[in-house]
Amino acid sequence: MWGGMAGLVLQLIAGGVGGSVIGTTVKRYDLGMIGSLLVGIIGGAIGAQMIGAVVGGGEANVIVGPDGFDLGTLIAQFAAGAFGGGALVVITGLVKENMGGRKPA
């Protein structure tokens, strides 16, 4: 797991933020306040772990470890979580739209 438990918590929070921001700003893919938040949380965890696997992050890349606090890892995990959350909200919004879901006014 990329970033350990502290990293996972950060990725979940960042995913919720990213999903909520995309849901609010891009009304076409809005899933509602709770829907965007929940889908963003799931997307933050999944997306950040996928990005961590691609860039080669592992248990060695933790936010707070034996070497102290690592701001670069914190920023990378927050950005990956926010991106994953926002991306999953857009994907879910596209699926909902193509299945004949509610269209924004």
C-alpha atoms as a PDB file:
ATOM      1  CA  MET A   1       0.000   0.000   0.000  1.00  0.00           C
ATOM      2  CA  TRP A   2       1.393   3.349  -1.092  1.00  0.00           C
ATOM      3  CA  GLY A   3       1.999   5.586   1.905  1.00  0.00           C
ATOM      4  CA  GLY A   4       0.904   3.370   4.780  1.00  0.00           C
ATOM      5  CA  MET A   5      -2.203   4.020   6.857  1.00  0.00           C
ATOM      6  CA  ALA A   6      -1.625   7.771   7.183  1.00  0.00           C
ATOM      7  CA  GLY A   7      -1.276   7.962   3.413  1.00  0.00           C
ATOM      8  CA  LEU A   8      -4.499   6.029   2.895  1.00  0.00           C
ATOM      9  CA  VAL A   9      -6.421   8.387   5.196  1.00  0.00           C
ATOM     10  CA  LEU A  10      -5.000  11.361   3.291  1.00  0.00           C
ATOM     11  CA  GLN A  11      -5.924   9.752  -0.046  1.00  0.00           C
ATOM     12  CA  LEU A  12      -9.510   9.173   1.143  1.00  0.00           C
ATOM     13  CA  ILE A  13      -9.863  12.786   2.290  1.00  0.00           C
ATOM     14  CA  ALA A  14      -8.300  14.103  -0.919  1.00  0.00           C
ATOM     15  CA  GLY A  15     -10.596  11.892  -2.997  1.00  0.00           C
ATOM     16  CA  GLY A  16     -13.621  13.317  -1.218  1.00  0.00           C
ATOM     17  CA  VAL A  17     -12.376  16.845  -1.857  1.00  0.00           C
ATOM     18  CA  GLY A  18     -11.616  16.117  -5.524  1.00  0.00           C
ATOM     19  CA  GLY A  19     -14.966  14.437  -6.095  1.00  0.00           C
ATOM     20  CA  SER A  20     -16.864  17.274  -4.435  1.00  0.00           C
ATOM     21  CA  VAL A  21     -14.994  19.944  -6.399  1.00  0.00           C
ATOM     22  CA  ILE A  22     -15.647  18.220  -9.730  1.00  0.00           C
ATOM     23  CA  GLY A  23     -19.280  17.579  -8.830  1.00  0.00           C
ATOM     24  CA  THR A  24     -19.774  21.221  -7.910  1.00  0.00           C
ATOM     25  CA  THR A  25     -17.934  22.813 -10.820  1.00  0.00           C
ATOM     26  CA  VAL A  26     -18.977  20.465 -13.632  1.00  0.00           C
ATOM     27  CA  LYS A  27     -22.756  20.254 -13.230  1.00  0.00           C
ATOM     28  CA  ARG A  28     -23.042  17.787 -16.112  1.00  0.00           C
ATOM     29  CA  TYR A  29     -21.453  15.047 -13.968  1.00  0.00           C
ATOM     30  CA  ASP A  30     -22.875  16.118 -10.605  1.00  0.00           C
ATOM     31  CA  LEU A  31     -24.052  13.191  -8.479  1.00  0.00           C
ATOM     32  CA  GLY A  32     -25.400  15.324  -5.660  1.00  0.00           C
ATOM     33  CA  MET A  33     -23.431  16.424  -2.632  1.00  0.00           C
ATOM     34  CA  ILE A  34     -23.356  13.035  -0.873  1.00  0.00           C
ATOM     35  CA  GLY A  35     -22.966  11.039  -4.106  1.00  0.00           C
ATOM     36  CA  SER A  36     -19.984  13.052  -5.320  1.00  0.00           C
ATOM     37  CA  LEU A  37     -18.382  12.834  -1.879  1.00  0.00           C
ATOM     38  CA  LEU A  38     -18.781   9.049  -1.557  1.00  0.00           C
ATOM     39  CA  VAL A  39     -17.704   8.294  -5.120  1.00  0.00           C
ATOM     40  CA  GLY A  40     -14.768  10.684  -4.661  1.00  0.00           C
ATOM     41  CA  ILE A  41     -13.647   8.885  -1.496  1.00  0.00           C
ATOM     42  CA  ILE A  42     -13.682   5.535  -3.292  1.00  0.00           C
ATOM     43  CA  GLY A  43     -11.938   7.016  -6.331  1.00  0.00           C
ATOM     44  CA  GLY A  44      -9.320   8.692  -4.144  1.00  0.00           C
ATOM     45  CA  ALA A  45      -8.254   5.410  -2.596  1.00  0.00           C
ATOM     46  CA  ILE A  46      -8.315   3.414  -5.827  1.00  0.00           C
ATOM     47  CA  GLY A  47      -6.781   6.115  -8.001  1.00  0.00           C
ATOM     48  CA  ALA A  48      -3.988   6.966  -5.599  1.00  0.00           C
ATOM     49  CA  GLN A  49      -3.045   3.320  -5.130  1.00  0.00           C
ATOM     50  CA  MET A  50      -2.974   2.819  -8.910  1.00  0.00           C
ATOM     51  CA  ILE A  51      -0.814   5.913  -9.384  1.00  0.00           C
ATOM     52  CA  GLY A  52       1.449   4.739  -6.552  1.00  0.00           C
ATOM     53  CA  ALA A  53       1.888   1.364  -8.265  1.00  0.00           C
ATOM     54  CA  VAL A  54       2.751   3.039 -11.569  1.00  0.00           C
ATOM     55  CA  VAL A  55       5.286   5.474 -10.117  1.00  0.00           C
ATOM     56  CA  GLY A  56       6.856   2.791  -7.961  1.00  0.00           C
ATOM     57  CA  GLY A  57       5.720   4.014  -4.568  1.00  0.00           C
ATOM     58  CA  GLY A  58       5.524   1.500  -1.794  1.00  0.00           C
ATOM     59  CA  GLU A  59       5.630   1.159   1.952  1.00  0.00           C
ATOM     60  CA  ALA A  60       8.958   3.036   1.850  1.00  0.00           C
ATOM     61  CA  ASN A  61       7.173   6.201   0.697  1.00  0.00           C
ATOM     62  CA  VAL A  62       5.333   7.136   3.885  1.00  0.00           C
ATOM     63  CA  ILE A  63       4.386  10.620   5.013  1.00  0.00           C
ATOM     64  CA  VAL A  64       5.868  10.215   8.492  1.00  0.00           C
ATOM     65  CA  GLY A  65       8.482   7.514   8.876  1.00  0.00           C
ATOM     66  CA  PRO A  66      11.834   6.844  10.464  1.00  0.00           C
ATOM     67  CA  ASP A  67      13.384   9.631   8.391  1.00  0.00           C
ATOM     68  CA  GLY A  68      10.843  12.195   9.625  1.00  0.00           C
ATOM     69  CA  PHE A  69       8.126  14.143   7.802  1.00  0.00           C
ATOM     70  CA  ASP A  70       8.148  14.037   3.990  1.00  0.00           C
ATOM     71  CA  LEU A  71       6.256  16.968   2.468  1.00  0.00           C
ATOM     72  CA  GLY A  72       6.817  15.751  -1.112  1.00  0.00           C
ATOM     73  CA  THR A  73       5.114  12.436  -0.406  1.00  0.00           C
ATOM     74  CA  LEU A  74       2.240  14.233   1.320  1.00  0.00           C
ATOM     75  CA  ILE A  75       1.669  16.493  -1.695  1.00  0.00           C
ATOM     76  CA  ALA A  76       1.963  13.601  -4.164  1.00  0.00           C
ATOM     77  CA  GLN A  77      -0.539  11.470  -2.268  1.00  0.00           C
ATOM     78  CA  PHE A  78      -3.014  14.335  -1.881  1.00  0.00           C
ATOM     79  CA  ALA A  79      -2.783  15.162  -5.590  1.00  0.00           C
ATOM     80  CA  ALA A  80      -3.166  11.502  -6.599  1.00  0.00           C
ATOM     81  CA  GLY A  81      -6.174  11.077  -4.297  1.00  0.00           C
ATOM     82  CA  ALA A  82      -7.866  14.245  -5.556  1.00  0.00           C
ATOM     83  CA  PHE A  83      -7.263  13.244  -9.170  1.00  0.00           C
ATOM     84  CA  GLY A  84      -8.601   9.734  -8.571  1.00  0.00           C
ATOM     85  CA  GLY A  85     -11.696  11.061  -6.804  1.00  0.00           C
ATOM     86  CA  GLY A  86     -12.447  13.588  -9.519  1.00  0.00           C
ATOM     87  CA  ALA A  87     -11.861  11.068 -12.286  1.00  0.00           C
ATOM     88  CA  LEU A  88     -14.225   8.513 -10.770  1.00  0.00           C
ATOM     89  CA  VAL A  89     -16.945  11.155 -10.351  1.00  0.00           C
ATOM     90  CA  VAL A  90     -16.638  12.048 -14.050  1.00  0.00           C
ATOM     91  CA  ILE A  91     -16.683   8.373 -15.084  1.00  0.00           C
ATOM     92  CA  THR A  92     -19.706   7.677 -12.881  1.00  0.00           C
ATOM     93  CA  GLY A  93     -21.465  10.785 -14.220  1.00  0.00           C
ATOM     94  CA  LEU A  94     -20.846   9.637 -17.798  1.00  0.00           C
ATOM     95  CA  VAL A  95     -22.255   6.193 -17.052  1.00  0.00           C
ATOM     96  CA  LYS A  96     -25.290   7.734 -15.351  1.00  0.00           C
ATOM     97  CA  GLU A  97     -25.845  10.096 -18.273  1.00  0.00           C
ATOM     98  CA  ASN A  98     -25.579   7.318 -20.859  1.00  0.00           C
ATOM     99  CA  MET A  99     -28.032   5.154 -18.941  1.00  0.00           C
ATOM    100  CA  GLY A 100     -30.650   7.904 -19.175  1.00  0.00           C
ATOM    101  CA  GLY A 101     -30.111   9.534 -15.805  1.00  0.00           C
ATOM    102  CA  ARG A 102     -31.284  12.958 -14.749  1.00  0.00           C
ATOM    103  CA  LYS A 103     -29.931  15.789 -16.899  1.00  0.00           C
ATOM    104  CA  PRO A 104     -28.999  19.088 -15.214  1.00  0.00           C
ATOM    105  CA  ALA A 105     -31.200  22.074 -16.008  1.00  0.00           C
END
